[in-house]
Amino acid sequence: MNAPHPPPPPPPAAGRDRTTLWGVLGIILGLLCFGILGIVFGYLSIRDAKRFGRSQLLGWLAIAFGVINLIARAIFWARGPYYPYWHR
């Protein structure tokens, strides 16, 4: 009484898989200085990862780094000048 094996999963949708491109761009821009672009590219990476059945890790990292960048910039902006000890 052997159960038949299920059929293999269908192949990914046809098209250009840019999951890694969006994820890497989002991480780099999110770490450097463009938090908003990091979040946008992270979203694009997650969207393509779902479409092509790939890992969403790069997209989530890009979003996390973008949010951290925005929070850090808000803190620095609220504190005033970036380098207060240079102005003495």
Protein backbone atom coordinates (compact mmCIF):
# COMPACT_ATOMS: atom_id res chain seq x y z
CA MET A 1 0.00 0.00 0.00
CA ASN A 2 2.31 2.62 -1.27
CA ALA A 3 0.89 6.07 -1.77
CA PRO A 4 1.84 7.67 -5.10
CA HIS A 5 4.30 10.51 -4.94
CA PRO A 6 2.92 14.01 -5.48
CA PRO A 7 3.84 15.69 -8.75
CA PRO A 8 6.86 18.01 -8.73
CA PRO A 9 6.20 21.71 -8.12
CA PRO A 10 5.66 23.86 -11.19
CA PRO A 11 8.63 25.82 -12.52
CA PRO A 12 8.93 29.46 -11.49
CA ALA A 13 7.18 32.08 -13.56
CA ALA A 14 8.99 33.23 -16.67
CA GLY A 15 10.69 36.60 -16.51
CA ARG A 16 13.73 38.32 -15.11
CA ASP A 17 14.57 37.40 -11.55
CA ARG A 18 16.07 40.50 -9.95
CA THR A 19 15.58 39.40 -6.35
CA THR A 20 19.28 39.53 -5.53
CA LEU A 21 19.81 42.82 -7.37
CA TRP A 22 17.02 44.59 -5.48
CA GLY A 23 18.12 43.08 -2.17
CA VAL A 24 21.78 44.06 -2.50
CA LEU A 25 20.91 47.57 -3.70
CA GLY A 26 18.51 47.97 -0.79
CA ILE A 27 21.09 46.83 1.76
CA ILE A 28 23.81 49.08 0.40
CA LEU A 29 21.59 52.15 0.11
CA GLY A 30 19.94 51.43 3.46
CA LEU A 31 23.33 51.24 5.19
CA LEU A 32 24.86 54.27 3.52
CA CYS A 33 22.44 57.15 3.67
CA PHE A 34 19.23 56.51 1.74
CA GLY A 35 16.85 54.77 4.13
CA ILE A 36 13.79 55.35 1.96
CA LEU A 37 15.45 53.77 -1.08
CA GLY A 38 16.60 50.85 1.07
CA ILE A 39 13.00 50.21 2.07
CA VAL A 40 11.74 50.53 -1.51
CA PHE A 41 14.35 48.15 -2.93
CA GLY A 42 13.71 45.76 -0.03
CA TYR A 43 10.04 45.68 -0.95
CA LEU A 44 10.92 45.02 -4.61
CA SER A 45 13.22 42.18 -3.53
CA ILE A 46 10.51 40.56 -1.41
CA ARG A 47 7.99 40.92 -4.23
CA ASP A 48 10.30 39.21 -6.72
CA ALA A 49 11.27 36.53 -4.19
CA LYS A 50 7.61 35.59 -3.77
CA ARG A 51 7.08 35.59 -7.52
CA PHE A 52 10.08 33.35 -8.28
CA GLY A 53 10.03 31.18 -5.16
CA ARG A 54 13.31 32.48 -3.73
CA SER A 55 14.44 33.49 -0.25
CA GLN A 56 13.13 36.82 1.07
CA LEU A 57 16.08 37.37 3.42
CA LEU A 58 17.82 40.09 1.39
CA GLY A 59 14.60 42.07 1.11
CA TRP A 60 13.92 41.93 4.84
CA LEU A 61 17.51 42.93 5.60
CA ALA A 62 17.24 45.89 3.23
CA ILE A 63 14.02 47.03 4.91
CA ALA A 64 15.56 46.63 8.37
CA PHE A 65 18.68 48.62 7.45
CA GLY A 66 16.54 51.31 5.81
CA VAL A 67 14.40 51.68 8.92
CA ILE A 68 17.48 51.75 11.18
CA ASN A 69 18.96 54.44 8.94
CA LEU A 70 15.81 56.56 9.14
CA ILE A 71 15.66 56.23 12.93
CA ALA A 72 19.35 57.14 13.29
CA ARG A 73 18.93 60.16 11.01
CA ALA A 74 15.90 61.32 13.02
CA ILE A 75 17.89 61.04 16.25
CA PHE A 76 20.86 62.93 14.81
CA TRP A 77 18.55 65.60 13.39
CA ALA A 78 16.76 66.03 16.71
CA ARG A 79 20.05 66.43 18.58
CA GLY A 80 21.16 69.36 16.46
CA PRO A 81 24.54 69.67 14.76
CA TYR A 82 26.26 66.40 13.91
CA TYR A 83 29.58 67.37 15.48
CA PRO A 84 28.91 69.74 18.41
CA TYR A 85 32.47 69.55 19.76
CA TRP A 86 33.97 70.99 16.57
CA HIS A 87 32.06 74.26 16.96
CA ARG A 88 33.62 75.29 20.30
